[in-house]
Amino acid sequence: MILAGDIGGTKTNLGLFEVKEGKLQPYFQRSFPSKDYVGLEAILTAFMQQAQQPPTAACFGIAGPVVGGQCVTSNLPWIVTADNLASTLQLKAVTLLNDLEATAYGIFELEPEEMVRLNQGVAAQGNAGIIAAGTGLGEACLFWDGQRYIPSASEGGHVDFAPRNPLEIELLRYLLKKYDHVSVERLLSGPGLLNIYNFLRDSGYGQETPTVVERFATQDPSSVISAAALLGECQLCLKALNMFTQIYGATAGNIALILKAVGGIYLGGGIAPKIIEKLKDGTFMAAFTDKGRFSSLMGSIPVRVIMNEKTALLGAARVAANTLNKGEEVKR
C-alpha cells in the first residue's frame, strides 16, 4: 500500500493507492484544511486513524523548497522533515518533493480529457514546463533527455515581477509601497488577484460594486472577484481578472522561453480550472505569444490546462511506487 500527499497552503490531500498491472488504483483518500493543523504529522495521524491501513512506501509533494529532506513551507508556519514523517508513519524513510515536481510526475497519469488545450501548437520533442497559480505560485521543469522527461523542481514563482506596459509599471510601484520584494507570486495567486483588484480600485480605474464588497466579508475575496468577473456582475472585477490573465500568460511565456519548452506548457493549480472560460477567450495566449521576434516560436508551443485537481497526488503516488519497486527511498 502506497501513501501519497499533496500539501498546499489551503488544503492537504492524502491518499492510499495500490498498484495493479502498473496502474495506480485509489484505495482511500481524504482532504484536510492545512491551516487547521499545527503540522503535517498531525494530519497524517488523523488520516491513518481513518484509513486503518499502514503504508509500505510514502511520498509527499509540498509547496516550498525541499532541500536535504526538509522543507520550510512557503504559505504555512510548518517545517516538514522526511525523518519526522518517517517516524510518524513507522517507515524507514519517505520521499519529499516540491509540489510542482509532484505535479510534473502526475501529468503522465492523466487521460487526454483531463486537460483543456489553450493552444494546439506543433507536437515536438523537447523540454516542457509547468506553472500553477493557487494559494501561491509554483513552477517546475520537465527536461527532455532524448528518451524521457525528467521532472525538476523550481522556485520560479518568487522571481521579480516584470511589468510590460505603463499600467503594469503603475501596479509595480503600488505594490512596492506594500512589499519590500514584489515577486510574480504577489500577482499570480489568490492573494495576487486581490492585490490587482485593490490597485485598480485605489488608482481610480474602477468602482467597487456593493454586492461584491458584501461578499468579501464572508467569502474568499479572490473567489468573489473571479466569480463576479465571469458572471459580468462587476466591471472592476472583470478588469482585475483580465489583468491577472494577461500577467499569467506573459509569465508562462517567459517560462517557455527560458526552457525552450517546445514540448509544451502546462497550467496547474487551483485557479486555472475555475477561470477556464477566461483563459480560453484569447487574452492568455495573446500575452503568452507577445515576445517580439520570438512570437512565431511561441505560437507553435502547445499549452494545456490541467483540470484534475489530484494531479500532484497522483504524481507523488507514482514516485512512491517507483522507489518501492527499486527498493530505495529518496530525499530531495
C-alpha atoms as a PDB file:
ATOM      1  CA  MET A   1       0.000   0.000   0.000  1.00  0.00           C
ATOM      2  CA  ILE A   2       1.366   3.413  -1.048  1.00  0.00           C
ATOM      3  CA  LEU A   3       0.704   6.668   0.789  1.00  0.00           C
ATOM      4  CA  ALA A   4       0.834   9.905  -1.202  1.00  0.00           C
ATOM      5  CA  GLY A   5       0.247  13.509  -0.246  1.00  0.00           C
ATOM      6  CA  ASP A   6      -0.204  16.911  -1.885  1.00  0.00           C
ATOM      7  CA  ILE A   7       0.422  19.540   0.780  1.00  0.00           C
ATOM      8  CA  GLY A   8      -0.668  23.054  -0.109  1.00  0.00           C
ATOM      9  CA  GLY A   9      -1.246  26.283   1.755  1.00  0.00           C
ATOM     10  CA  THR A  10      -5.027  25.847   1.678  1.00  0.00           C
ATOM     11  CA  LYS A  11      -5.577  22.098   1.808  1.00  0.00           C
ATOM     12  CA  THR A  12      -3.702  18.844   2.181  1.00  0.00           C
ATOM     13  CA  ASN A  13      -4.825  15.907   0.043  1.00  0.00           C
ATOM     14  CA  LEU A  14      -3.770  12.455   1.189  1.00  0.00           C
ATOM     15  CA  GLY A  15      -4.404   9.112  -0.450  1.00  0.00           C
ATOM     16  CA  LEU A  16      -3.605   5.427  -0.191  1.00  0.00           C
ATOM     17  CA  PHE A  17      -3.028   3.676  -3.509  1.00  0.00           C
ATOM     18  CA  GLU A  18      -2.457   0.170  -4.757  1.00  0.00           C
ATOM     19  CA  VAL A  19      -0.506  -0.597  -7.925  1.00  0.00           C
ATOM     20  CA  LYS A  20      -2.168  -3.147 -10.177  1.00  0.00           C
ATOM     21  CA  GLU A  21      -0.632  -4.057 -13.527  1.00  0.00           C
ATOM     22  CA  GLY A  22       1.463  -0.909 -13.308  1.00  0.00           C
ATOM     23  CA  LYS A  23      -1.522   1.399 -12.800  1.00  0.00           C
ATOM     24  CA  LEU A  24      -2.378   3.375  -9.679  1.00  0.00           C
ATOM     25  CA  GLN A  25      -5.638   2.343  -8.054  1.00  0.00           C
ATOM     26  CA  PRO A  26      -7.100   4.668  -5.362  1.00  0.00           C
ATOM     27  CA  TYR A  27      -7.895   2.888  -2.118  1.00  0.00           C
ATOM     28  CA  PHE A  28      -8.682   5.645   0.404  1.00  0.00           C
ATOM     29  CA  GLN A  29      -8.481   9.441   0.090  1.00  0.00           C
ATOM     30  CA  ARG A  30      -9.204  12.424   2.328  1.00  0.00           C
ATOM     31  CA  SER A  31      -8.685  16.199   2.230  1.00  0.00           C
ATOM     32  CA  PHE A  32      -7.765  18.345   5.241  1.00  0.00           C
ATOM     33  CA  PRO A  33      -7.706  22.162   5.723  1.00  0.00           C
ATOM     34  CA  SER A  34      -3.981  22.754   6.181  1.00  0.00           C
ATOM     35  CA  LYS A  35      -4.199  25.800   8.440  1.00  0.00           C
ATOM     36  CA  ASP A  36      -6.324  23.922  10.987  1.00  0.00           C
ATOM     37  CA  TYR A  37      -3.325  21.771  11.955  1.00  0.00           C
ATOM     38  CA  VAL A  38      -0.019  22.507  13.678  1.00  0.00           C
ATOM     39  CA  GLY A  39       1.909  20.380  11.223  1.00  0.00           C
ATOM     40  CA  LEU A  40       1.782  17.625   8.655  1.00  0.00           C
ATOM     41  CA  GLU A  41       2.426  14.961  11.290  1.00  0.00           C
ATOM     42  CA  ALA A  42      -0.893  15.820  12.968  1.00  0.00           C
ATOM     43  CA  ILE A  43      -2.740  15.451   9.660  1.00  0.00           C
ATOM     44  CA  LEU A  44      -1.042  12.125   8.960  1.00  0.00           C
ATOM     45  CA  THR A  45      -2.025  10.818  12.388  1.00  0.00           C
ATOM     46  CA  ALA A  46      -5.669  11.739  11.769  1.00  0.00           C
ATOM     47  CA  PHE A  47      -5.588  10.231   8.289  1.00  0.00           C
ATOM     48  CA  MET A  48      -4.043   6.933   9.355  1.00  0.00           C
ATOM     49  CA  GLN A  49      -6.586   6.567  12.147  1.00  0.00           C
ATOM     50  CA  GLN A  50      -9.308   6.791   9.498  1.00  0.00           C
ATOM     51  CA  ALA A  51      -7.562   4.620   6.912  1.00  0.00           C
ATOM     52  CA  GLN A  52      -6.627   1.751   9.231  1.00  0.00           C
ATOM     53  CA  GLN A  53      -4.116   0.532   6.654  1.00  0.00           C
ATOM     54  CA  PRO A  54      -0.345   1.008   7.134  1.00  0.00           C
ATOM     55  CA  PRO A  55       1.685   2.074   4.085  1.00  0.00           C
ATOM     56  CA  THR A  56       4.799   0.367   2.772  1.00  0.00           C
ATOM     57  CA  ALA A  57       6.070   3.491   0.990  1.00  0.00           C
ATOM     58  CA  ALA A  58       5.238   7.183   1.074  1.00  0.00           C
ATOM     59  CA  CYS A  59       5.888  10.331  -0.938  1.00  0.00           C
ATOM     60  CA  PHE A  60       4.688  13.882  -0.338  1.00  0.00           C
ATOM     61  CA  GLY A  61       4.618  16.851  -2.662  1.00  0.00           C
ATOM     62  CA  ILE A  62       4.809  20.058  -0.630  1.00  0.00           C
ATOM     63  CA  ALA A  63       4.545  23.739  -1.509  1.00  0.00           C
ATOM     64  CA  GLY A  64       8.017  25.061  -0.805  1.00  0.00           C
ATOM     65  CA  PRO A  65      11.704  24.367  -1.429  1.00  0.00           C
ATOM     66  CA  VAL A  66      12.783  20.852  -0.434  1.00  0.00           C
ATOM     67  CA  VAL A  67      16.488  20.658   0.442  1.00  0.00           C
ATOM     68  CA  GLY A  68      18.118  17.701   2.164  1.00  0.00           C
ATOM     69  CA  GLY A  69      14.823  16.106   3.076  1.00  0.00           C
ATOM     70  CA  GLN A  70      13.483  19.278   4.733  1.00  0.00           C
ATOM     71  CA  CYS A  71      11.049  21.986   3.696  1.00  0.00           C
ATOM     72  CA  VAL A  72      10.191  25.305   5.320  1.00  0.00           C
ATOM     73  CA  THR A  73       6.761  25.770   3.788  1.00  0.00           C
ATOM     74  CA  SER A  74       6.069  28.922   1.795  1.00  0.00           C
ATOM     75  CA  ASN A  75       2.481  29.603   2.896  1.00  0.00           C
ATOM     76  CA  LEU A  76       2.226  27.670   6.178  1.00  0.00           C
ATOM     77  CA  PRO A  77       4.105  28.016   9.503  1.00  0.00           C
ATOM     78  CA  TRP A  78       5.465  24.471   9.185  1.00  0.00           C
ATOM     79  CA  ILE A  79       8.876  22.870   8.977  1.00  0.00           C
ATOM     80  CA  VAL A  80       8.482  19.445   7.382  1.00  0.00           C
ATOM     81  CA  THR A  81      11.259  16.858   7.503  1.00  0.00           C
ATOM     82  CA  ALA A  82      11.392  13.457   5.879  1.00  0.00           C
ATOM     83  CA  ASP A  83      12.815  11.913   9.039  1.00  0.00           C
ATOM     84  CA  ASN A  84       9.923  13.115  11.222  1.00  0.00           C
ATOM     85  CA  LEU A  85       7.376  11.888   8.691  1.00  0.00           C
ATOM     86  CA  ALA A  86       9.078   8.504   8.522  1.00  0.00           C
ATOM     87  CA  SER A  87       8.956   8.279  12.305  1.00  0.00           C
ATOM     88  CA  THR A  88       5.261   9.192  12.371  1.00  0.00           C
ATOM     89  CA  LEU A  89       4.468   6.550   9.731  1.00  0.00           C
ATOM     90  CA  GLN A  90       6.890   3.976  11.152  1.00  0.00           C
ATOM     91  CA  LEU A  91       8.714   3.737   7.829  1.00  0.00           C
ATOM     92  CA  LYS A  92      12.438   3.540   7.214  1.00  0.00           C
ATOM     93  CA  ALA A  93      12.235   6.692   5.081  1.00  0.00           C
ATOM     94  CA  VAL A  94       9.875   8.758   2.972  1.00  0.00           C
ATOM     95  CA  THR A  95      10.286  10.894  -0.142  1.00  0.00           C
ATOM     96  CA  LEU A  96       9.728  14.660  -0.101  1.00  0.00           C
ATOM     97  CA  LEU A  97       9.190  16.576  -3.352  1.00  0.00           C
ATOM     98  CA  ASN A  98       8.226  20.097  -4.261  1.00  0.00           C
ATOM     99  CA  ASP A  99       4.508  20.037  -5.100  1.00  0.00           C
ATOM    100  CA  LEU A 100       5.070  21.175  -8.681  1.00  0.00           C
ATOM    101  CA  GLU A 101       7.657  18.451  -9.174  1.00  0.00           C
ATOM    102  CA  ALA A 102       4.985  16.014  -7.997  1.00  0.00           C
ATOM    103  CA  THR A 103       2.567  17.581 -10.482  1.00  0.00           C
ATOM    104  CA  ALA A 104       5.111  17.015 -13.252  1.00  0.00           C
ATOM    105  CA  TYR A 105       5.174  13.308 -12.447  1.00  0.00           C
ATOM    106  CA  GLY A 106       1.389  13.292 -12.251  1.00  0.00           C
ATOM    107  CA  ILE A 107       0.896  14.621 -15.780  1.00  0.00           C
ATOM    108  CA  PHE A 108       1.804  11.198 -17.145  1.00  0.00           C
ATOM    109  CA  GLU A 109      -1.004   9.614 -15.105  1.00  0.00           C
ATOM    110  CA  LEU A 110      -3.712  11.748 -16.742  1.00  0.00           C
ATOM    111  CA  GLU A 111      -6.083  10.947 -19.577  1.00  0.00           C
ATOM    112  CA  PRO A 112      -6.307  13.399 -22.522  1.00  0.00           C
ATOM    113  CA  GLU A 113      -9.797  14.502 -21.449  1.00  0.00           C
ATOM    114  CA  GLU A 114      -8.376  15.695 -18.125  1.00  0.00           C
ATOM    115  CA  MET A 115      -6.711  18.624 -19.894  1.00  0.00           C
ATOM    116  CA  VAL A 116      -8.031  21.593 -21.861  1.00  0.00           C
ATOM    117  CA  ARG A 117      -5.978  22.944 -24.758  1.00  0.00           C
ATOM    118  CA  LEU A 118      -5.446  26.677 -24.958  1.00  0.00           C
ATOM    119  CA  ASN A 119      -3.104  26.317 -27.928  1.00  0.00           C
ATOM    120  CA  GLN A 120      -2.790  23.318 -30.203  1.00  0.00           C
ATOM    121  CA  GLY A 121       0.756  24.152 -31.190  1.00  0.00           C
ATOM    122  CA  VAL A 122       3.038  21.755 -33.010  1.00  0.00           C
ATOM    123  CA  ALA A 123       3.995  18.464 -31.381  1.00  0.00           C
ATOM    124  CA  ALA A 124       7.763  18.362 -30.792  1.00  0.00           C
ATOM    125  CA  GLN A 125      10.211  16.524 -28.591  1.00  0.00           C
ATOM    126  CA  GLY A 126      11.820  18.881 -26.137  1.00  0.00           C
ATOM    127  CA  ASN A 127      11.597  20.439 -22.710  1.00  0.00           C
ATOM    128  CA  ALA A 128       8.261  21.291 -21.115  1.00  0.00           C
ATOM    129  CA  GLY A 129       7.226  23.491 -18.211  1.00  0.00           C
ATOM    130  CA  ILE A 130       4.502  23.835 -15.594  1.00  0.00           C
ATOM    131  CA  ILE A 131       3.136  26.957 -13.936  1.00  0.00           C
ATOM    132  CA  ALA A 132       0.468  26.739 -11.255  1.00  0.00           C
ATOM    133  CA  ALA A 133      -1.324  29.642  -9.589  1.00  0.00           C
ATOM    134  CA  GLY A 134      -3.226  28.856  -6.406  1.00  0.00           C
ATOM    135  CA  THR A 135      -2.622  29.870  -2.805  1.00  0.00           C
ATOM    136  CA  GLY A 136       0.884  30.666  -4.081  1.00  0.00           C
ATOM    137  CA  LEU A 137       2.642  30.318  -7.433  1.00  0.00           C
ATOM    138  CA  GLY A 138       4.596  27.212  -8.359  1.00  0.00           C
ATOM    139  CA  GLU A 139       6.736  26.381 -11.368  1.00  0.00           C
ATOM    140  CA  ALA A 140       8.569  23.259 -12.469  1.00  0.00           C
ATOM    141  CA  CYS A 141      10.578  21.950 -15.403  1.00  0.00           C
ATOM    142  CA  LEU A 142      10.366  18.745 -17.404  1.00  0.00           C
ATOM    143  CA  PHE A 143      13.725  18.239 -19.062  1.00  0.00           C
ATOM    144  CA  TRP A 144      13.779  16.036 -22.155  1.00  0.00           C
ATOM    145  CA  ASP A 145      16.899  13.817 -22.156  1.00  0.00           C
ATOM    146  CA  GLY A 146      16.255  12.380 -25.613  1.00  0.00           C
ATOM    147  CA  GLN A 147      14.185   9.444 -24.367  1.00  0.00           C
ATOM    148  CA  ARG A 148      12.066  10.581 -21.445  1.00  0.00           C
ATOM    149  CA  TYR A 149      11.058  13.554 -19.326  1.00  0.00           C
ATOM    150  CA  ILE A 150      12.888  14.254 -16.068  1.00  0.00           C
ATOM    151  CA  PRO A 151      10.871  16.491 -13.702  1.00  0.00           C
ATOM    152  CA  SER A 152      12.844  19.089 -11.782  1.00  0.00           C
ATOM    153  CA  ALA A 153      11.732  21.431  -9.007  1.00  0.00           C
ATOM    154  CA  SER A 154      11.890  25.217  -9.225  1.00  0.00           C
ATOM    155  CA  GLU A 155      11.140  28.253  -7.092  1.00  0.00           C
ATOM    156  CA  GLY A 156      10.474  30.412 -10.124  1.00  0.00           C
ATOM    157  CA  GLY A 157       7.276  31.731  -8.590  1.00  0.00           C
ATOM    158  CA  HIS A 158       9.410  34.029  -6.448  1.00  0.00           C
ATOM    159  CA  VAL A 159      11.333  35.753  -9.238  1.00  0.00           C
ATOM    160  CA  ASP A 160      10.851  39.505  -9.685  1.00  0.00           C
ATOM    161  CA  PHE A 161       7.613  40.673 -11.277  1.00  0.00           C
ATOM    162  CA  ALA A 162       8.472  42.154 -14.689  1.00  0.00           C
ATOM    163  CA  PRO A 163       5.916  44.765 -15.830  1.00  0.00           C
ATOM    164  CA  ARG A 164       5.404  45.023 -19.596  1.00  0.00           C
ATOM    165  CA  ASN A 165       3.429  48.249 -20.069  1.00  0.00           C
ATOM    166  CA  PRO A 166       2.640  51.554 -18.299  1.00  0.00           C
ATOM    167  CA  LEU A 167      -0.306  50.114 -16.358  1.00  0.00           C
ATOM    168  CA  GLU A 168       1.767  47.223 -15.039  1.00  0.00           C
ATOM    169  CA  ILE A 169       4.541  49.668 -14.121  1.00  0.00           C
ATOM    170  CA  GLU A 170       1.940  51.553 -12.057  1.00  0.00           C
ATOM    171  CA  LEU A 171       0.968  48.249 -10.462  1.00  0.00           C
ATOM    172  CA  LEU A 172       4.588  47.529  -9.526  1.00  0.00           C
ATOM    173  CA  ARG A 173       5.003  50.977  -7.961  1.00  0.00           C
ATOM    174  CA  TYR A 174       1.790  50.457  -5.999  1.00  0.00           C
ATOM    175  CA  LEU A 175       2.962  47.103  -4.631  1.00  0.00           C
ATOM    176  CA  LEU A 176       6.446  48.399  -3.779  1.00  0.00           C
ATOM    177  CA  LYS A 177       4.745  50.555  -1.154  1.00  0.00           C
ATOM    178  CA  LYS A 178       3.403  47.363   0.424  1.00  0.00           C
ATOM    179  CA  TYR A 179       6.186  44.812  -0.110  1.00  0.00           C
ATOM    180  CA  ASP A 180       9.983  45.014   0.019  1.00  0.00           C
ATOM    181  CA  HIS A 181      10.163  42.471  -2.804  1.00  0.00           C
ATOM    182  CA  VAL A 182       7.452  42.178  -5.433  1.00  0.00           C
ATOM    183  CA  SER A 183       7.662  38.644  -6.757  1.00  0.00           C
ATOM    184  CA  VAL A 184       5.429  37.396  -9.520  1.00  0.00           C
ATOM    185  CA  GLU A 185       3.591  35.363  -6.856  1.00  0.00           C
ATOM    186  CA  ARG A 186       2.317  38.676  -5.473  1.00  0.00           C
ATOM    187  CA  LEU A 187       0.223  38.865  -8.659  1.00  0.00           C
ATOM    188  CA  LEU A 188      -0.324  35.262  -9.746  1.00  0.00           C
ATOM    189  CA  SER A 189      -2.066  33.689  -6.759  1.00  0.00           C
ATOM    190  CA  GLY A 190      -5.326  34.038  -4.864  1.00  0.00           C
ATOM    191  CA  PRO A 191      -3.934  36.950  -2.812  1.00  0.00           C
ATOM    192  CA  GLY A 192      -2.400  38.260  -6.039  1.00  0.00           C
ATOM    193  CA  LEU A 193      -5.772  38.691  -7.723  1.00  0.00           C
ATOM    194  CA  LEU A 194      -6.900  40.709  -4.706  1.00  0.00           C
ATOM    195  CA  ASN A 195      -3.728  42.837  -4.968  1.00  0.00           C
ATOM    196  CA  ILE A 196      -4.596  43.624  -8.587  1.00  0.00           C
ATOM    197  CA  TYR A 197      -8.202  44.446  -7.667  1.00  0.00           C
ATOM    198  CA  ASN A 198      -7.096  46.775  -4.856  1.00  0.00           C
ATOM    199  CA  PHE A 199      -4.624  48.522  -7.165  1.00  0.00           C
ATOM    200  CA  LEU A 200      -7.258  49.188  -9.823  1.00  0.00           C
ATOM    201  CA  ARG A 201      -9.745  50.417  -7.199  1.00  0.00           C
ATOM    202  CA  ASP A 202      -7.272  52.644  -5.343  1.00  0.00           C
ATOM    203  CA  SER A 203      -5.863  54.056  -8.590  1.00  0.00           C
ATOM    204  CA  GLY A 204      -9.248  55.108  -9.918  1.00  0.00           C
ATOM    205  CA  TYR A 205      -9.598  52.500 -12.665  1.00  0.00           C
ATOM    206  CA  GLY A 206     -12.991  51.290 -11.471  1.00  0.00           C
ATOM    207  CA  GLN A 207     -15.683  51.494  -8.815  1.00  0.00           C
ATOM    208  CA  GLU A 208     -16.486  48.740  -6.352  1.00  0.00           C
ATOM    209  CA  THR A 209     -19.845  47.000  -6.603  1.00  0.00           C
ATOM    210  CA  PRO A 210     -21.688  46.975  -3.239  1.00  0.00           C
ATOM    211  CA  THR A 211     -22.705  43.325  -3.538  1.00  0.00           C
ATOM    212  CA  VAL A 212     -19.083  42.319  -4.155  1.00  0.00           C
ATOM    213  CA  VAL A 213     -17.915  44.244  -1.098  1.00  0.00           C
ATOM    214  CA  GLU A 214     -20.581  42.484   0.987  1.00  0.00           C
ATOM    215  CA  ARG A 215     -19.360  39.082  -0.172  1.00  0.00           C
ATOM    216  CA  PHE A 216     -15.795  39.927   0.826  1.00  0.00           C
ATOM    217  CA  ALA A 217     -16.900  39.821   4.475  1.00  0.00           C
ATOM    218  CA  THR A 218     -17.918  36.154   4.371  1.00  0.00           C
ATOM    219  CA  GLN A 219     -16.168  34.632   1.334  1.00  0.00           C
ATOM    220  CA  ASP A 220     -12.653  34.322  -0.067  1.00  0.00           C
ATOM    221  CA  PRO A 221     -12.063  37.655  -1.868  1.00  0.00           C
ATOM    222  CA  SER A 222     -10.213  36.174  -4.848  1.00  0.00           C
ATOM    223  CA  SER A 223     -13.037  33.702  -5.449  1.00  0.00           C
ATOM    224  CA  VAL A 224     -15.566  36.529  -5.198  1.00  0.00           C
ATOM    225  CA  ILE A 225     -13.625  38.626  -7.714  1.00  0.00           C
ATOM    226  CA  SER A 226     -13.228  35.857 -10.285  1.00  0.00           C
ATOM    227  CA  ALA A 227     -16.850  34.700  -9.960  1.00  0.00           C
ATOM    228  CA  ALA A 228     -18.235  38.235 -10.305  1.00  0.00           C
ATOM    229  CA  ALA A 229     -15.987  38.844 -13.309  1.00  0.00           C
ATOM    230  CA  LEU A 230     -17.042  35.655 -15.098  1.00  0.00           C
ATOM    231  CA  LEU A 231     -20.724  36.426 -14.469  1.00  0.00           C
ATOM    232  CA  GLY A 232     -20.356  40.013 -15.689  1.00  0.00           C
ATOM    233  CA  GLU A 233     -21.565  41.393 -12.359  1.00  0.00           C
ATOM    234  CA  CYS A 234     -18.707  43.822 -11.730  1.00  0.00           C
ATOM    235  CA  GLN A 235     -16.602  45.756 -14.220  1.00  0.00           C
ATOM    236  CA  LEU A 236     -13.831  46.323 -11.680  1.00  0.00           C
ATOM    237  CA  CYS A 237     -13.630  42.564 -11.067  1.00  0.00           C
ATOM    238  CA  LEU A 238     -13.570  41.955 -14.808  1.00  0.00           C
ATOM    239  CA  LYS A 239     -10.673  44.404 -15.237  1.00  0.00           C
ATOM    240  CA  ALA A 240      -8.795  42.703 -12.401  1.00  0.00           C
ATOM    241  CA  LEU A 241      -9.296  39.223 -13.847  1.00  0.00           C
ATOM    242  CA  ASN A 242      -8.300  40.435 -17.298  1.00  0.00           C
ATOM    243  CA  MET A 243      -5.056  41.927 -15.934  1.00  0.00           C
ATOM    244  CA  PHE A 244      -4.408  38.762 -13.927  1.00  0.00           C
ATOM    245  CA  THR A 245      -4.857  36.651 -17.072  1.00  0.00           C
ATOM    246  CA  GLN A 246      -2.502  38.851 -19.096  1.00  0.00           C
ATOM    247  CA  ILE A 247       0.230  38.586 -16.438  1.00  0.00           C
ATOM    248  CA  TYR A 248      -0.377  34.821 -16.233  1.00  0.00           C
ATOM    249  CA  GLY A 249       0.059  34.449 -19.980  1.00  0.00           C
ATOM    250  CA  ALA A 250       3.166  36.637 -20.111  1.00  0.00           C
ATOM    251  CA  THR A 251       4.791  34.765 -17.220  1.00  0.00           C
ATOM    252  CA  ALA A 252       4.003  31.382 -18.757  1.00  0.00           C
ATOM    253  CA  GLY A 253       5.566  32.675 -21.966  1.00  0.00           C
ATOM    254  CA  ASN A 254       8.713  33.656 -20.069  1.00  0.00           C
ATOM    255  CA  ILE A 255       8.989  30.116 -18.706  1.00  0.00           C
ATOM    256  CA  ALA A 256       8.561  28.740 -22.220  1.00  0.00           C
ATOM    257  CA  LEU A 257      11.435  30.902 -23.464  1.00  0.00           C
ATOM    258  CA  ILE A 258      13.745  30.073 -20.554  1.00  0.00           C
ATOM    259  CA  LEU A 259      13.222  26.334 -21.035  1.00  0.00           C
ATOM    260  CA  LYS A 260      12.738  26.423 -24.814  1.00  0.00           C
ATOM    261  CA  ALA A 261       9.659  24.423 -23.912  1.00  0.00           C
ATOM    262  CA  VAL A 262       8.697  23.141 -27.349  1.00  0.00           C
ATOM    263  CA  GLY A 263       7.278  20.089 -25.547  1.00  0.00           C
ATOM    264  CA  GLY A 264       4.552  22.286 -24.114  1.00  0.00           C
ATOM    265  CA  ILE A 265       3.468  24.415 -21.183  1.00  0.00           C
ATOM    266  CA  TYR A 266       1.003  23.092 -18.605  1.00  0.00           C
ATOM    267  CA  LEU A 267      -1.131  25.213 -16.292  1.00  0.00           C
ATOM    268  CA  GLY A 268      -1.775  23.551 -12.948  1.00  0.00           C
ATOM    269  CA  GLY A 269      -3.017  24.808  -9.594  1.00  0.00           C
ATOM    270  CA  GLY A 270      -6.481  25.567  -8.343  1.00  0.00           C
ATOM    271  CA  ILE A 271      -7.166  28.858 -10.141  1.00  0.00           C
ATOM    272  CA  ALA A 272      -6.874  27.873 -13.820  1.00  0.00           C
ATOM    273  CA  PRO A 273      -9.776  25.360 -13.861  1.00  0.00           C
ATOM    274  CA  LYS A 274     -12.015  27.903 -12.113  1.00  0.00           C
ATOM    275  CA  ILE A 275     -11.361  30.605 -14.734  1.00  0.00           C
ATOM    276  CA  ILE A 276     -11.075  28.273 -17.719  1.00  0.00           C
ATOM    277  CA  GLU A 277     -13.567  30.264 -19.802  1.00  0.00           C
ATOM    278  CA  LYS A 278     -11.486  33.407 -19.311  1.00  0.00           C
ATOM    279  CA  LEU A 279      -8.307  31.541 -20.210  1.00  0.00           C
ATOM    280  CA  LYS A 280      -9.957  30.332 -23.419  1.00  0.00           C
ATOM    281  CA  ASP A 281     -11.037  33.781 -24.640  1.00  0.00           C
ATOM    282  CA  GLY A 282      -7.629  34.615 -26.182  1.00  0.00           C
ATOM    283  CA  THR A 283      -6.342  37.018 -23.504  1.00  0.00           C
ATOM    284  CA  PHE A 284      -3.904  34.495 -22.056  1.00  0.00           C
ATOM    285  CA  MET A 285      -2.473  33.359 -25.387  1.00  0.00           C
ATOM    286  CA  ALA A 286      -2.119  36.926 -26.674  1.00  0.00           C
ATOM    287  CA  ALA A 287       0.161  37.711 -23.741  1.00  0.00           C
ATOM    288  CA  PHE A 288       1.896  34.331 -23.979  1.00  0.00           C
ATOM    289  CA  THR A 289       2.912  34.848 -27.614  1.00  0.00           C
ATOM    290  CA  ASP A 290       3.747  38.559 -27.293  1.00  0.00           C
ATOM    291  CA  LYS A 291       7.526  38.025 -27.324  1.00  0.00           C
ATOM    292  CA  GLY A 292       8.665  40.178 -30.232  1.00  0.00           C
ATOM    293  CA  ARG A 293      10.884  38.296 -32.695  1.00  0.00           C
ATOM    294  CA  PHE A 294      10.017  35.006 -30.978  1.00  0.00           C
ATOM    295  CA  SER A 295       6.251  35.339 -31.302  1.00  0.00           C
ATOM    296  CA  SER A 296       6.180  32.740 -34.081  1.00  0.00           C
ATOM    297  CA  LEU A 297       8.010  30.195 -31.912  1.00  0.00           C
ATOM    298  CA  MET A 298       5.665  30.922 -29.015  1.00  0.00           C
ATOM    299  CA  GLY A 299       2.656  30.271 -31.224  1.00  0.00           C
ATOM    300  CA  SER A 300       3.997  26.803 -32.003  1.00  0.00           C
ATOM    301  CA  ILE A 301       4.146  25.715 -28.343  1.00  0.00           C
ATOM    302  CA  PRO A 302       1.258  23.551 -27.078  1.00  0.00           C
ATOM    303  CA  VAL A 303      -0.445  24.996 -23.989  1.00  0.00           C
ATOM    304  CA  ARG A 304      -2.743  22.891 -21.820  1.00  0.00           C
ATOM    305  CA  VAL A 305      -4.683  23.417 -18.592  1.00  0.00           C
ATOM    306  CA  ILE A 306      -4.657  20.537 -16.099  1.00  0.00           C
ATOM    307  CA  MET A 307      -8.244  20.030 -14.907  1.00  0.00           C
ATOM    308  CA  ASN A 308      -7.649  17.155 -12.471  1.00  0.00           C
ATOM    309  CA  GLU A 309      -7.024  18.689  -9.032  1.00  0.00           C
ATOM    310  CA  LYS A 310      -5.437  15.443  -7.818  1.00  0.00           C
ATOM    311  CA  THR A 311      -2.559  15.518 -10.340  1.00  0.00           C
ATOM    312  CA  ALA A 312       0.121  16.245  -7.720  1.00  0.00           C
ATOM    313  CA  LEU A 313      -1.287  13.483  -5.529  1.00  0.00           C
ATOM    314  CA  LEU A 314      -1.066  11.041  -8.429  1.00  0.00           C
ATOM    315  CA  GLY A 315       2.496  12.161  -9.131  1.00  0.00           C
ATOM    316  CA  ALA A 316       3.537  11.623  -5.521  1.00  0.00           C
ATOM    317  CA  ALA A 317       1.944   8.169  -5.605  1.00  0.00           C
ATOM    318  CA  ARG A 318       3.852   7.288  -8.778  1.00  0.00           C
ATOM    319  CA  VAL A 319       7.161   8.361  -7.215  1.00  0.00           C
ATOM    320  CA  ALA A 320       6.404   6.278  -4.111  1.00  0.00           C
ATOM    321  CA  ALA A 321       5.630   3.289  -6.331  1.00  0.00           C
ATOM    322  CA  ASN A 322       8.877   3.767  -8.254  1.00  0.00           C
ATOM    323  CA  THR A 323      11.006   3.979  -5.112  1.00  0.00           C
ATOM    324  CA  LEU A 324       9.292   0.905  -3.704  1.00  0.00           C
ATOM    325  CA  ASN A 325       9.992  -1.034  -6.883  1.00  0.00           C
ATOM    326  CA  LYS A 326      13.641  -0.010  -6.733  1.00  0.00           C
ATOM    327  CA  GLY A 327      13.859  -0.929  -3.062  1.00  0.00           C
ATOM    328  CA  GLU A 328      15.020   2.531  -2.085  1.00  0.00           C
ATOM    329  CA  GLU A 329      13.700   5.807  -0.720  1.00  0.00           C
ATOM    330  CA  VAL A 330      14.787   9.242  -1.875  1.00  0.00           C
ATOM    331  CA  LYS A 331      15.331  12.528  -0.023  1.00  0.00           C
ATOM    332  CA  ARG A 332      15.326  15.568  -2.270  1.00  0.00           C
END
